[in-house]
Amino acid sequence: MKSDIFIDTSGFYSLLVKNDGKHRSAAKILAGARSGVYSFVTSDYVIDETVTLMKARGFRHIIPDFLRLVNSSNVCRIEWTDSERFEAASKFCTKHLDQEYSFTDCLIMSVMKELGLKKILTKDEHFKIAGFDAMLAEK
């Protein structure tokens, strides 16, 4: 049975930037998607954040291919933020002001809970704190 893995900005970064310390681990997980073991889910906010990060870190040349691939992918579905998801993320954010979660993190966690997802391709330890399996975070 195929399972869904949410992919966060740091997961995309690890996949796209070959000299990233987690590139090999991320590439192995991507291979699982190509073989049909996994499929990925992401959000419009993550795509926004990824493009912004790539620009900031000098990888502008990767952006056109990244956008083309993510928009046409058969193994990565985009979950779009509507007013209900925005409201859920706002409530989640307000409830967890004691944490250092970004608003995008709150949106991701809300969507993951909505979809019943546990695994996330990320290096971000905030997701471990929230009870998710942050697949690229330090063990």
N, C-alpha and C. Protein backbone atom coordinates (compact mmCIF):
# COMPACT_ATOMS: atom_id res chain seq x y z
N MET A 1 0.83 -1.18 0.00
CA MET A 1 0.00 0.00 0.00
C MET A 1 0.89 1.26 0.00
N LYS A 2 0.61 2.19 -0.88
CA LYS A 2 1.37 3.43 -1.00
C LYS A 2 0.98 4.37 0.14
N SER A 3 1.99 5.01 0.73
CA SER A 3 1.70 5.98 1.79
C SER A 3 2.18 7.37 1.36
N ASP A 4 1.52 8.38 1.90
CA ASP A 4 1.85 9.76 1.58
C ASP A 4 2.85 10.32 2.59
N ILE A 5 3.79 11.09 2.08
CA ILE A 5 4.76 11.81 2.89
C ILE A 5 4.62 13.28 2.53
N PHE A 6 4.45 14.11 3.54
CA PHE A 6 4.42 15.55 3.29
C PHE A 6 5.85 16.00 3.03
N ILE A 7 6.05 16.90 2.10
CA ILE A 7 7.39 17.43 1.85
C ILE A 7 7.42 18.92 2.18
N ASP A 8 8.35 19.26 3.05
CA ASP A 8 8.53 20.62 3.54
C ASP A 8 9.63 21.31 2.74
N THR A 9 9.83 22.58 3.00
CA THR A 9 10.84 23.38 2.30
C THR A 9 12.23 22.77 2.43
N SER A 10 12.61 22.36 3.63
CA SER A 10 13.96 21.79 3.79
C SER A 10 14.08 20.44 3.08
N GLY A 11 12.97 19.73 2.93
CA GLY A 11 12.98 18.49 2.16
C GLY A 11 13.21 18.77 0.69
N PHE A 12 12.51 19.75 0.14
CA PHE A 12 12.76 20.16 -1.25
C PHE A 12 14.20 20.63 -1.42
N TYR A 13 14.68 21.42 -0.48
CA TYR A 13 16.04 21.93 -0.57
C TYR A 13 17.04 20.77 -0.61
N SER A 14 16.86 19.79 0.26
CA SER A 14 17.76 18.64 0.28
C SER A 14 17.70 17.85 -1.03
N LEU A 15 16.53 17.76 -1.61
CA LEU A 15 16.41 17.07 -2.90
C LEU A 15 17.09 17.84 -4.03
N LEU A 16 16.96 19.16 -4.02
CA LEU A 16 17.41 19.98 -5.14
C LEU A 16 18.89 20.38 -5.08
N VAL A 17 19.45 20.47 -3.91
CA VAL A 17 20.82 20.96 -3.75
C VAL A 17 21.72 19.77 -3.41
N LYS A 18 22.51 19.36 -4.39
CA LYS A 18 23.30 18.13 -4.25
C LYS A 18 24.35 18.18 -3.16
N ASN A 19 24.84 19.37 -2.79
CA ASN A 19 25.83 19.43 -1.72
C ASN A 19 25.20 19.61 -0.33
N ASP A 20 23.88 19.55 -0.24
CA ASP A 20 23.21 19.57 1.05
C ASP A 20 23.53 18.28 1.80
N GLY A 21 23.75 18.37 3.10
CA GLY A 21 24.12 17.21 3.90
C GLY A 21 23.10 16.09 3.93
N LYS A 22 21.86 16.37 3.61
CA LYS A 22 20.81 15.35 3.61
C LYS A 22 20.36 14.96 2.21
N HIS A 23 21.11 15.40 1.18
CA HIS A 23 20.70 15.12 -0.20
C HIS A 23 20.56 13.62 -0.47
N ARG A 24 21.54 12.83 -0.07
CA ARG A 24 21.48 11.37 -0.34
C ARG A 24 20.27 10.73 0.33
N SER A 25 20.03 11.09 1.59
CA SER A 25 18.87 10.53 2.30
C SER A 25 17.57 10.92 1.61
N ALA A 26 17.46 12.18 1.23
CA ALA A 26 16.25 12.65 0.54
C ALA A 26 16.08 11.97 -0.81
N ALA A 27 17.19 11.78 -1.53
CA ALA A 27 17.13 11.12 -2.84
C ALA A 27 16.66 9.67 -2.71
N LYS A 28 17.08 8.99 -1.65
CA LYS A 28 16.62 7.61 -1.43
C LYS A 28 15.10 7.58 -1.22
N ILE A 29 14.60 8.53 -0.46
CA ILE A 29 13.16 8.60 -0.22
C ILE A 29 12.43 8.93 -1.51
N LEU A 30 12.98 9.84 -2.31
CA LEU A 30 12.39 10.16 -3.60
C LEU A 30 12.35 8.92 -4.49
N ALA A 31 13.37 8.10 -4.44
CA ALA A 31 13.39 6.86 -5.23
C ALA A 31 12.22 5.96 -4.83
N GLY A 32 11.84 5.98 -3.56
CA GLY A 32 10.67 5.21 -3.11
C GLY A 32 9.40 5.71 -3.76
N ALA A 33 9.32 7.01 -3.99
CA ALA A 33 8.15 7.57 -4.68
C ALA A 33 8.15 7.13 -6.14
N ARG A 34 9.31 7.17 -6.75
CA ARG A 34 9.40 6.75 -8.16
C ARG A 34 9.03 5.29 -8.35
N SER A 35 9.32 4.47 -7.34
CA SER A 35 9.00 3.04 -7.45
C SER A 35 7.58 2.73 -7.00
N GLY A 36 6.84 3.75 -6.56
CA GLY A 36 5.45 3.55 -6.18
C GLY A 36 5.22 3.24 -4.71
N VAL A 37 6.27 3.24 -3.89
CA VAL A 37 6.13 2.97 -2.47
C VAL A 37 5.52 4.16 -1.75
N TYR A 38 5.96 5.36 -2.13
CA TYR A 38 5.49 6.60 -1.53
C TYR A 38 4.91 7.52 -2.58
N SER A 39 4.12 8.44 -2.13
CA SER A 39 3.80 9.62 -2.92
C SER A 39 3.95 10.81 -1.98
N PHE A 40 4.13 11.98 -2.54
CA PHE A 40 4.36 13.17 -1.75
C PHE A 40 3.16 14.10 -1.79
N VAL A 41 3.04 14.88 -0.72
CA VAL A 41 2.05 15.93 -0.61
C VAL A 41 2.81 17.17 -0.16
N THR A 42 2.48 18.31 -0.71
CA THR A 42 3.04 19.57 -0.26
C THR A 42 1.94 20.62 -0.27
N SER A 43 2.29 21.85 0.04
CA SER A 43 1.30 22.92 0.02
C SER A 43 1.81 24.11 -0.78
N ASP A 44 0.90 24.95 -1.15
CA ASP A 44 1.26 26.17 -1.88
C ASP A 44 2.20 27.04 -1.04
N TYR A 45 2.03 27.05 0.27
CA TYR A 45 2.91 27.84 1.13
C TYR A 45 4.33 27.30 1.10
N VAL A 46 4.47 25.98 1.05
CA VAL A 46 5.80 25.37 0.98
C VAL A 46 6.47 25.71 -0.35
N ILE A 47 5.71 25.68 -1.42
CA ILE A 47 6.28 26.04 -2.72
C ILE A 47 6.77 27.49 -2.68
N ASP A 48 5.96 28.38 -2.13
CA ASP A 48 6.35 29.78 -1.97
C ASP A 48 7.65 29.88 -1.17
N GLU A 49 7.68 29.21 -0.03
CA GLU A 49 8.84 29.27 0.85
C GLU A 49 10.08 28.69 0.17
N THR A 50 9.91 27.61 -0.59
CA THR A 50 11.04 26.97 -1.29
C THR A 50 11.62 27.90 -2.34
N VAL A 51 10.78 28.53 -3.13
CA VAL A 51 11.26 29.47 -4.16
C VAL A 51 12.00 30.63 -3.50
N THR A 52 11.46 31.15 -2.42
CA THR A 52 12.10 32.24 -1.69
C THR A 52 13.47 31.81 -1.16
N LEU A 53 13.55 30.62 -0.59
CA LEU A 53 14.81 30.09 -0.07
C LEU A 53 15.83 29.91 -1.18
N MET A 54 15.41 29.36 -2.31
CA MET A 54 16.33 29.13 -3.43
C MET A 54 16.90 30.46 -3.93
N LYS A 55 16.06 31.47 -4.02
CA LYS A 55 16.54 32.80 -4.41
C LYS A 55 17.55 33.34 -3.40
N ALA A 56 17.22 33.24 -2.12
CA ALA A 56 18.06 33.78 -1.07
C ALA A 56 19.42 33.09 -0.99
N ARG A 57 19.46 31.82 -1.34
CA ARG A 57 20.71 31.05 -1.24
C ARG A 57 21.46 30.94 -2.57
N GLY A 58 21.01 31.70 -3.57
CA GLY A 58 21.75 31.76 -4.83
C GLY A 58 21.47 30.64 -5.81
N PHE A 59 20.31 30.01 -5.69
CA PHE A 59 19.96 28.91 -6.59
C PHE A 59 18.80 29.29 -7.50
N ARG A 60 18.78 30.53 -7.97
CA ARG A 60 17.71 31.01 -8.86
C ARG A 60 17.56 30.13 -10.10
N HIS A 61 18.66 29.62 -10.59
CA HIS A 61 18.64 28.81 -11.81
C HIS A 61 17.83 27.51 -11.66
N ILE A 62 17.61 27.06 -10.44
CA ILE A 62 16.85 25.83 -10.18
C ILE A 62 15.35 26.09 -10.19
N ILE A 63 14.95 27.32 -9.95
CA ILE A 63 13.53 27.65 -9.73
C ILE A 63 12.63 27.27 -10.91
N PRO A 64 12.96 27.61 -12.16
CA PRO A 64 12.04 27.25 -13.25
C PRO A 64 11.77 25.75 -13.35
N ASP A 65 12.82 24.94 -13.24
CA ASP A 65 12.63 23.48 -13.30
C ASP A 65 11.85 22.98 -12.10
N PHE A 66 12.15 23.54 -10.92
CA PHE A 66 11.42 23.13 -9.72
C PHE A 66 9.92 23.39 -9.88
N LEU A 67 9.57 24.60 -10.31
CA LEU A 67 8.15 24.94 -10.48
C LEU A 67 7.49 24.08 -11.55
N ARG A 68 8.17 23.86 -12.64
CA ARG A 68 7.61 23.03 -13.71
C ARG A 68 7.38 21.60 -13.20
N LEU A 69 8.38 21.06 -12.51
CA LEU A 69 8.27 19.68 -12.03
C LEU A 69 7.19 19.52 -10.97
N VAL A 70 7.15 20.42 -10.01
CA VAL A 70 6.16 20.26 -8.93
C VAL A 70 4.74 20.46 -9.46
N ASN A 71 4.58 21.32 -10.45
CA ASN A 71 3.25 21.56 -11.02
C ASN A 71 2.77 20.43 -11.93
N SER A 72 3.69 19.63 -12.45
CA SER A 72 3.30 18.56 -13.36
C SER A 72 3.57 17.17 -12.79
N SER A 73 3.95 17.09 -11.53
CA SER A 73 4.37 15.83 -10.93
C SER A 73 3.22 14.83 -10.78
N ASN A 74 3.56 13.56 -11.02
CA ASN A 74 2.62 12.47 -10.76
C ASN A 74 2.80 11.89 -9.36
N VAL A 75 3.88 12.29 -8.68
CA VAL A 75 4.15 11.74 -7.34
C VAL A 75 4.07 12.79 -6.24
N CYS A 76 3.77 14.03 -6.58
CA CYS A 76 3.65 15.08 -5.57
C CYS A 76 2.38 15.90 -5.82
N ARG A 77 1.47 15.82 -4.87
CA ARG A 77 0.20 16.53 -4.96
C ARG A 77 0.30 17.82 -4.14
N ILE A 78 -0.23 18.90 -4.69
CA ILE A 78 -0.25 20.17 -3.98
C ILE A 78 -1.60 20.34 -3.28
N GLU A 79 -1.53 20.60 -1.99
CA GLU A 79 -2.72 20.93 -1.21
C GLU A 79 -2.78 22.45 -1.12
N TRP A 80 -3.87 23.03 -1.58
CA TRP A 80 -4.01 24.48 -1.67
C TRP A 80 -4.64 25.04 -0.41
N THR A 81 -4.21 26.22 -0.03
CA THR A 81 -4.73 26.87 1.17
C THR A 81 -5.97 27.68 0.81
N ASP A 82 -7.08 27.26 1.41
CA ASP A 82 -8.32 28.02 1.26
C ASP A 82 -8.61 28.70 2.60
N SER A 83 -9.73 29.36 2.70
CA SER A 83 -10.03 30.11 3.93
C SER A 83 -10.17 29.18 5.15
N GLU A 84 -10.68 27.97 4.96
CA GLU A 84 -10.83 27.04 6.08
C GLU A 84 -9.46 26.58 6.59
N ARG A 85 -8.56 26.26 5.67
CA ARG A 85 -7.21 25.85 6.08
C ARG A 85 -6.45 27.00 6.72
N PHE A 86 -6.64 28.19 6.20
CA PHE A 86 -5.99 29.36 6.79
C PHE A 86 -6.47 29.56 8.22
N GLU A 87 -7.77 29.41 8.42
CA GLU A 87 -8.34 29.56 9.76
C GLU A 87 -7.82 28.47 10.70
N ALA A 88 -7.74 27.23 10.22
CA ALA A 88 -7.21 26.12 11.04
C ALA A 88 -5.75 26.39 11.43
N ALA A 89 -4.97 26.89 10.48
CA ALA A 89 -3.57 27.21 10.76
C ALA A 89 -3.47 28.35 11.77
N SER A 90 -4.36 29.33 11.63
CA SER A 90 -4.37 30.45 12.57
C SER A 90 -4.67 29.97 13.98
N LYS A 91 -5.63 29.09 14.12
CA LYS A 91 -5.98 28.55 15.44
C LYS A 91 -4.83 27.72 16.01
N PHE A 92 -4.22 26.90 15.15
CA PHE A 92 -3.09 26.08 15.58
C PHE A 92 -1.94 26.97 16.05
N CYS A 93 -1.66 28.01 15.30
CA CYS A 93 -0.59 28.95 15.63
C CYS A 93 -0.86 29.63 16.97
N THR A 94 -2.06 30.10 17.14
CA THR A 94 -2.45 30.78 18.38
C THR A 94 -2.37 29.83 19.57
N LYS A 95 -2.76 28.59 19.38
CA LYS A 95 -2.73 27.59 20.45
C LYS A 95 -1.30 27.24 20.87
N HIS A 96 -0.35 27.37 19.94
CA HIS A 96 1.03 26.94 20.19
C HIS A 96 2.03 28.10 20.18
N LEU A 97 1.63 29.21 20.78
CA LEU A 97 2.52 30.38 20.82
C LEU A 97 3.78 30.13 21.66
N ASP A 98 3.76 29.08 22.48
CA ASP A 98 4.94 28.73 23.27
C ASP A 98 6.02 28.06 22.44
N GLN A 99 5.70 27.69 21.19
CA GLN A 99 6.65 27.04 20.29
C GLN A 99 7.18 28.04 19.27
N GLU A 100 8.26 27.68 18.61
CA GLU A 100 8.88 28.55 17.60
C GLU A 100 8.40 28.21 16.19
N TYR A 101 7.19 27.68 16.06
CA TYR A 101 6.66 27.31 14.75
C TYR A 101 6.41 28.54 13.90
N SER A 102 6.81 28.47 12.64
CA SER A 102 6.43 29.53 11.70
C SER A 102 4.96 29.33 11.33
N PHE A 103 4.36 30.33 10.72
CA PHE A 103 2.98 30.17 10.29
C PHE A 103 2.88 29.05 9.25
N THR A 104 3.88 28.96 8.37
CA THR A 104 3.87 27.87 7.38
C THR A 104 3.93 26.52 8.07
N ASP A 105 4.75 26.39 9.12
CA ASP A 105 4.78 25.14 9.90
C ASP A 105 3.39 24.83 10.45
N CYS A 106 2.73 25.84 10.98
CA CYS A 106 1.37 25.64 11.54
C CYS A 106 0.40 25.18 10.47
N LEU A 107 0.51 25.78 9.28
CA LEU A 107 -0.35 25.36 8.17
C LEU A 107 -0.06 23.91 7.80
N ILE A 108 1.22 23.56 7.68
CA ILE A 108 1.59 22.18 7.33
C ILE A 108 1.05 21.21 8.38
N MET A 109 1.26 21.50 9.65
CA MET A 109 0.79 20.60 10.70
C MET A 109 -0.72 20.45 10.67
N SER A 110 -1.42 21.53 10.41
CA SER A 110 -2.89 21.46 10.30
C SER A 110 -3.30 20.58 9.13
N VAL A 111 -2.66 20.76 7.98
CA VAL A 111 -2.99 19.96 6.79
C VAL A 111 -2.63 18.49 7.04
N MET A 112 -1.47 18.26 7.66
CA MET A 112 -1.09 16.87 7.94
C MET A 112 -2.10 16.19 8.85
N LYS A 113 -2.55 16.90 9.88
CA LYS A 113 -3.57 16.33 10.78
C LYS A 113 -4.87 16.08 10.01
N GLU A 114 -5.26 17.03 9.18
CA GLU A 114 -6.48 16.88 8.38
C GLU A 114 -6.41 15.64 7.49
N LEU A 115 -5.25 15.40 6.90
CA LEU A 115 -5.08 14.28 5.97
C LEU A 115 -4.63 12.98 6.64
N GLY A 116 -4.38 13.03 7.94
CA GLY A 116 -3.94 11.84 8.67
C GLY A 116 -2.52 11.42 8.34
N LEU A 117 -1.64 12.38 8.05
CA LEU A 117 -0.25 12.08 7.70
C LEU A 117 0.65 12.17 8.92
N LYS A 118 1.63 11.29 8.98
CA LYS A 118 2.59 11.27 10.09
C LYS A 118 4.01 11.59 9.64
N LYS A 119 4.36 11.24 8.42
CA LYS A 119 5.73 11.40 7.93
C LYS A 119 5.88 12.69 7.14
N ILE A 120 7.02 13.37 7.40
CA ILE A 120 7.31 14.60 6.68
C ILE A 120 8.78 14.63 6.30
N LEU A 121 9.04 14.90 5.04
CA LEU A 121 10.41 15.03 4.55
C LEU A 121 10.89 16.43 4.92
N THR A 122 11.59 16.51 6.04
CA THR A 122 12.07 17.78 6.57
C THR A 122 13.25 17.55 7.49
N LYS A 123 14.07 18.58 7.63
CA LYS A 123 15.14 18.59 8.63
C LYS A 123 14.68 19.35 9.87
N ASP A 124 13.52 19.94 9.82
CA ASP A 124 13.00 20.83 10.86
C ASP A 124 12.55 20.02 12.07
N GLU A 125 13.25 20.20 13.18
CA GLU A 125 12.94 19.45 14.40
C GLU A 125 11.64 19.88 15.05
N HIS A 126 11.08 21.02 14.64
CA HIS A 126 9.78 21.45 15.17
C HIS A 126 8.72 20.37 14.93
N PHE A 127 8.85 19.66 13.82
CA PHE A 127 7.86 18.64 13.51
C PHE A 127 7.98 17.44 14.45
N LYS A 128 9.20 17.13 14.89
CA LYS A 128 9.38 16.08 15.90
C LYS A 128 8.71 16.49 17.20
N ILE A 129 8.89 17.75 17.59
CA ILE A 129 8.28 18.25 18.83
C ILE A 129 6.76 18.10 18.77
N ALA A 130 6.19 18.31 17.57
CA ALA A 130 4.74 18.22 17.40
C ALA A 130 4.25 16.78 17.21
N GLY A 131 5.16 15.81 17.22
CA GLY A 131 4.75 14.41 17.16
C GLY A 131 4.77 13.78 15.77
N PHE A 132 5.36 14.46 14.81
CA PHE A 132 5.46 13.91 13.45
C PHE A 132 6.82 13.24 13.26
N ASP A 133 6.91 12.39 12.25
CA ASP A 133 8.16 11.72 11.89
C ASP A 133 8.91 12.62 10.90
N ALA A 134 9.84 13.44 11.43
CA ALA A 134 10.66 14.33 10.61
C ALA A 134 11.80 13.51 10.04
N MET A 135 11.64 13.05 8.81
CA MET A 135 12.49 12.01 8.24
C MET A 135 13.95 12.42 8.03
N LEU A 136 14.26 13.70 7.93
CA LEU A 136 15.64 14.14 7.72
C LEU A 136 16.22 14.85 8.94
N ALA A 137 15.45 14.93 10.03
CA ALA A 137 15.95 15.58 11.24
C ALA A 137 16.96 14.66 11.92
N GLU A 138 17.81 15.26 12.73
CA GLU A 138 18.78 14.46 13.48
C GLU A 138 18.02 13.52 14.42
N LYS A 139 18.51 12.33 14.52
CA LYS A 139 17.86 11.30 15.35
C LYS A 139 18.13 11.52 16.83
